[in-house]
Amino acid sequence: MPRPDAKAPGRWPDVPACYGWLSLDRRGSWRLQGERVSHPGLLALLNTGYASDGDGNWLVHNGPQRVFVALEYTPWVLRLQANGATRTHTGADSGTIDAAYLDDEGNVLLHTALGIGLLDDRELTAFLATCRLVDDSPAPEDALLAVMGGASGVFWHGLPLQFIDRGEVAARFGYRPDPAPP
């Protein structure tokens, strides 16, 4: 119970948004001014406060302050689970996957219930091992390279592996990799 003489807090003070301090690398590690964040408490804050502002920017709320996140590639970095599901870099279940992509650099992207995510490159071997051709035989390397050239015929968990140009990913999925002040 508050003290009778204590004043109720007013609205949050005006705090300027923060740009250029926080980033997310392609393996799902948070970086503060380029340095990898390892403190468990700070990681928990970043993971639970991570969200989109609805305008394509990704940020973390720090009390009243909005700390915008520069993305090395996509807003989500995904990791495969033993049960076939995927989890995000924040530890959240990514939900249903409805599309799988291979970009021109050999990156795998998955469109999930949360949005587009880059598969952590340490998961590529496991991902590729489950890619199949139409006849359900393992997809050979040349078939995967053909997908990078725009061909079809390779599937992952029943989803066709589609080609996507890396330069088009952010615009196609509606996010800003490097938010800037208005």
Protein backbone atom coordinates (compact mmCIF):
# COMPACT_ATOMS: atom_id res chain seq x y z
CA MET A 1 0.00 0.00 0.00
CA PRO A 2 1.45 3.37 -0.96
CA ARG A 3 2.27 5.91 1.66
CA PRO A 4 -0.50 8.52 2.06
CA ASP A 5 1.94 11.31 1.25
CA ALA A 6 3.33 9.60 -1.87
CA LYS A 7 2.30 11.11 -5.18
CA ALA A 8 0.88 8.84 -7.84
CA PRO A 9 3.21 8.61 -10.80
CA GLY A 10 2.19 10.81 -13.72
CA ARG A 11 2.59 9.85 -17.34
CA TRP A 12 5.96 8.60 -18.51
CA PRO A 13 8.42 11.38 -19.21
CA ASP A 14 9.18 12.16 -22.83
CA VAL A 15 12.20 10.04 -23.66
CA PRO A 16 13.79 10.17 -27.09
CA ALA A 17 13.82 6.99 -29.15
CA CYS A 18 17.18 5.28 -29.43
CA TYR A 19 18.66 4.37 -32.82
CA GLY A 20 21.96 2.73 -33.73
CA TRP A 21 22.67 1.07 -30.38
CA LEU A 22 20.95 -2.31 -30.58
CA SER A 23 21.17 -4.90 -33.34
CA LEU A 24 20.26 -8.50 -34.04
CA ASP A 25 22.82 -10.57 -35.91
CA ARG A 26 22.11 -13.40 -38.35
CA ARG A 27 22.56 -16.02 -35.62
CA GLY A 28 20.03 -14.41 -33.30
CA SER A 29 22.50 -12.76 -30.94
CA TRP A 30 21.72 -9.35 -29.53
CA ARG A 31 24.47 -6.78 -29.95
CA LEU A 32 24.75 -3.55 -28.02
CA GLN A 33 27.00 -1.10 -29.86
CA GLY A 34 28.46 -4.08 -31.73
CA GLU A 35 29.26 -6.13 -28.63
CA ARG A 36 27.44 -9.41 -28.07
CA VAL A 37 25.04 -9.27 -25.11
CA SER A 38 25.57 -12.13 -22.66
CA HIS A 39 24.11 -10.87 -19.37
CA PRO A 40 21.10 -13.12 -18.54
CA GLY A 41 18.98 -10.27 -17.18
CA LEU A 42 19.57 -8.03 -20.18
CA LEU A 43 18.91 -10.95 -22.57
CA ALA A 44 15.61 -11.62 -20.79
CA LEU A 45 14.61 -7.94 -21.11
CA LEU A 46 15.49 -7.86 -24.82
CA ASN A 47 13.74 -11.14 -25.57
CA THR A 48 10.51 -10.25 -23.76
CA GLY A 49 10.36 -6.64 -24.96
CA TYR A 50 11.03 -7.37 -28.66
CA ALA A 51 8.18 -6.33 -30.96
CA SER A 52 7.23 -4.55 -34.16
CA ASP A 53 5.84 -1.04 -34.12
CA GLY A 54 3.45 -1.89 -36.95
CA ASP A 55 5.35 0.30 -39.42
CA GLY A 56 8.00 -2.29 -40.24
CA ASN A 57 10.42 -1.29 -37.49
CA TRP A 58 11.49 -3.73 -34.78
CA LEU A 59 12.28 -2.46 -31.33
CA VAL A 60 12.58 -3.20 -27.65
CA HIS A 61 10.67 -1.20 -25.07
CA ASN A 62 12.85 -0.14 -22.15
CA GLY A 63 10.30 1.46 -19.87
CA PRO A 64 9.17 4.56 -21.76
CA GLN A 65 12.06 4.39 -24.21
CA ARG A 66 11.82 2.73 -27.62
CA VAL A 67 15.12 1.17 -28.64
CA PHE A 68 15.04 0.40 -32.36
CA VAL A 69 16.80 -2.74 -33.59
CA ALA A 70 19.02 -2.89 -36.67
CA LEU A 71 18.52 -6.29 -38.30
CA GLU A 72 21.40 -8.07 -40.00
CA TYR A 73 18.79 -9.92 -42.09
CA THR A 74 15.27 -10.76 -40.83
CA PRO A 75 13.31 -9.86 -37.67
CA TRP A 76 13.40 -13.48 -36.52
CA VAL A 77 16.21 -16.01 -36.40
CA LEU A 78 14.91 -19.56 -36.25
CA ARG A 79 16.25 -22.79 -34.83
CA LEU A 80 14.97 -26.28 -35.59
CA GLN A 81 13.68 -28.39 -32.71
CA ALA A 82 13.85 -32.19 -32.41
CA ASN A 83 10.06 -32.41 -32.75
CA GLY A 84 10.11 -30.60 -36.11
CA ALA A 85 8.97 -27.25 -34.74
CA THR A 86 11.00 -24.06 -34.86
CA ARG A 87 11.79 -21.59 -32.10
CA THR A 88 12.85 -17.99 -32.45
CA HIS A 89 16.01 -16.40 -31.12
CA THR A 90 13.84 -15.09 -28.24
CA GLY A 91 12.83 -18.65 -27.29
CA ALA A 92 9.25 -18.35 -28.57
CA ASP A 93 7.55 -21.06 -30.60
CA SER A 94 7.36 -19.65 -34.13
CA GLY A 95 4.07 -21.39 -34.90
CA THR A 96 2.98 -22.88 -38.20
CA ILE A 97 5.37 -22.64 -41.13
CA ASP A 98 3.59 -21.95 -44.41
CA ALA A 99 6.49 -21.28 -46.80
CA ALA A 100 10.17 -22.15 -47.22
CA TYR A 101 12.65 -20.12 -49.27
CA LEU A 102 16.23 -20.39 -50.44
CA ASP A 103 17.87 -17.10 -51.34
CA ASP A 104 20.59 -16.33 -53.86
CA GLU A 105 23.26 -16.60 -51.14
CA GLY A 106 22.14 -20.04 -49.91
CA ASN A 107 20.26 -18.78 -46.84
CA VAL A 108 17.09 -20.57 -45.79
CA LEU A 109 14.11 -18.44 -44.79
CA LEU A 110 10.89 -19.74 -43.30
CA HIS A 111 7.62 -17.86 -43.20
CA THR A 112 5.98 -18.62 -39.85
CA ALA A 113 2.95 -17.49 -37.91
CA LEU A 114 5.18 -14.74 -36.47
CA GLY A 115 6.52 -13.62 -39.87
CA ILE A 116 9.66 -14.23 -41.89
CA GLY A 117 12.70 -15.71 -40.20
CA LEU A 118 16.20 -16.68 -41.20
CA LEU A 119 17.18 -20.21 -40.29
CA ASP A 120 20.31 -20.11 -38.13
CA ASP A 121 23.16 -21.25 -40.40
CA ARG A 122 24.16 -23.87 -37.83
CA GLU A 123 20.83 -25.59 -38.66
CA LEU A 124 21.45 -25.86 -42.42
CA THR A 125 22.82 -29.41 -42.38
CA ALA A 126 19.75 -30.71 -40.55
CA PHE A 127 17.43 -28.70 -42.81
CA LEU A 128 19.05 -29.91 -46.03
CA ALA A 129 18.99 -33.52 -44.82
CA THR A 130 15.18 -33.35 -44.73
CA CYS A 131 14.75 -31.78 -48.18
CA ARG A 132 13.15 -34.17 -50.66
CA LEU A 133 12.39 -34.44 -54.35
CA VAL A 134 8.92 -35.14 -55.73
CA ASP A 135 9.57 -38.92 -55.45
CA ASP A 136 10.50 -38.46 -51.75
CA SER A 137 14.18 -39.25 -52.36
CA PRO A 138 16.77 -36.99 -50.66
CA ALA A 139 17.36 -33.78 -52.62
CA PRO A 140 20.89 -33.79 -54.09
CA GLU A 141 23.06 -30.70 -54.04
CA ASP A 142 22.46 -29.97 -57.72
CA ALA A 143 18.68 -29.83 -57.13
CA LEU A 144 19.22 -27.30 -54.33
CA LEU A 145 21.50 -25.24 -56.55
CA ALA A 146 18.80 -25.37 -59.23
CA VAL A 147 16.32 -23.85 -56.74
CA MET A 148 18.78 -20.97 -56.30
CA GLY A 149 18.51 -20.53 -60.07
CA GLY A 150 14.71 -20.38 -59.93
CA ALA A 151 13.84 -24.07 -60.50
CA SER A 152 11.35 -26.02 -58.42
CA GLY A 153 10.96 -29.63 -57.37
CA VAL A 154 12.55 -29.62 -53.91
CA PHE A 155 10.35 -29.88 -50.82
CA TRP A 156 10.86 -29.46 -47.11
CA HIS A 157 8.20 -31.04 -44.90
CA GLY A 158 5.83 -30.98 -47.86
CA LEU A 159 6.42 -27.28 -48.63
CA PRO A 160 8.00 -26.37 -51.96
CA LEU A 161 11.40 -24.74 -51.50
CA GLN A 162 11.05 -21.46 -53.37
CA PHE A 163 13.71 -19.08 -54.63
CA ILE A 164 13.81 -15.55 -53.24
CA ASP A 165 16.29 -12.76 -53.96
CA ARG A 166 17.87 -11.52 -50.74
CA GLY A 167 17.55 -7.92 -51.87
CA GLU A 168 13.75 -8.29 -52.04
CA VAL A 169 13.13 -9.95 -48.67
CA ALA A 170 12.65 -6.86 -46.48
CA ALA A 171 10.25 -5.15 -48.90
CA ARG A 172 8.31 -8.33 -49.61
CA PHE A 173 7.77 -9.10 -45.92
CA GLY A 174 7.31 -5.50 -44.79
CA TYR A 175 10.13 -4.74 -42.37
CA ARG A 176 12.92 -2.17 -42.15
CA PRO A 177 16.35 -3.70 -41.53
CA ASP A 178 17.85 -0.42 -40.33
CA PRO A 179 15.31 1.91 -38.69
CA ALA A 180 16.24 5.57 -38.75
CA PRO A 181 14.81 8.61 -36.97
CA PRO A 182 11.98 10.35 -38.84
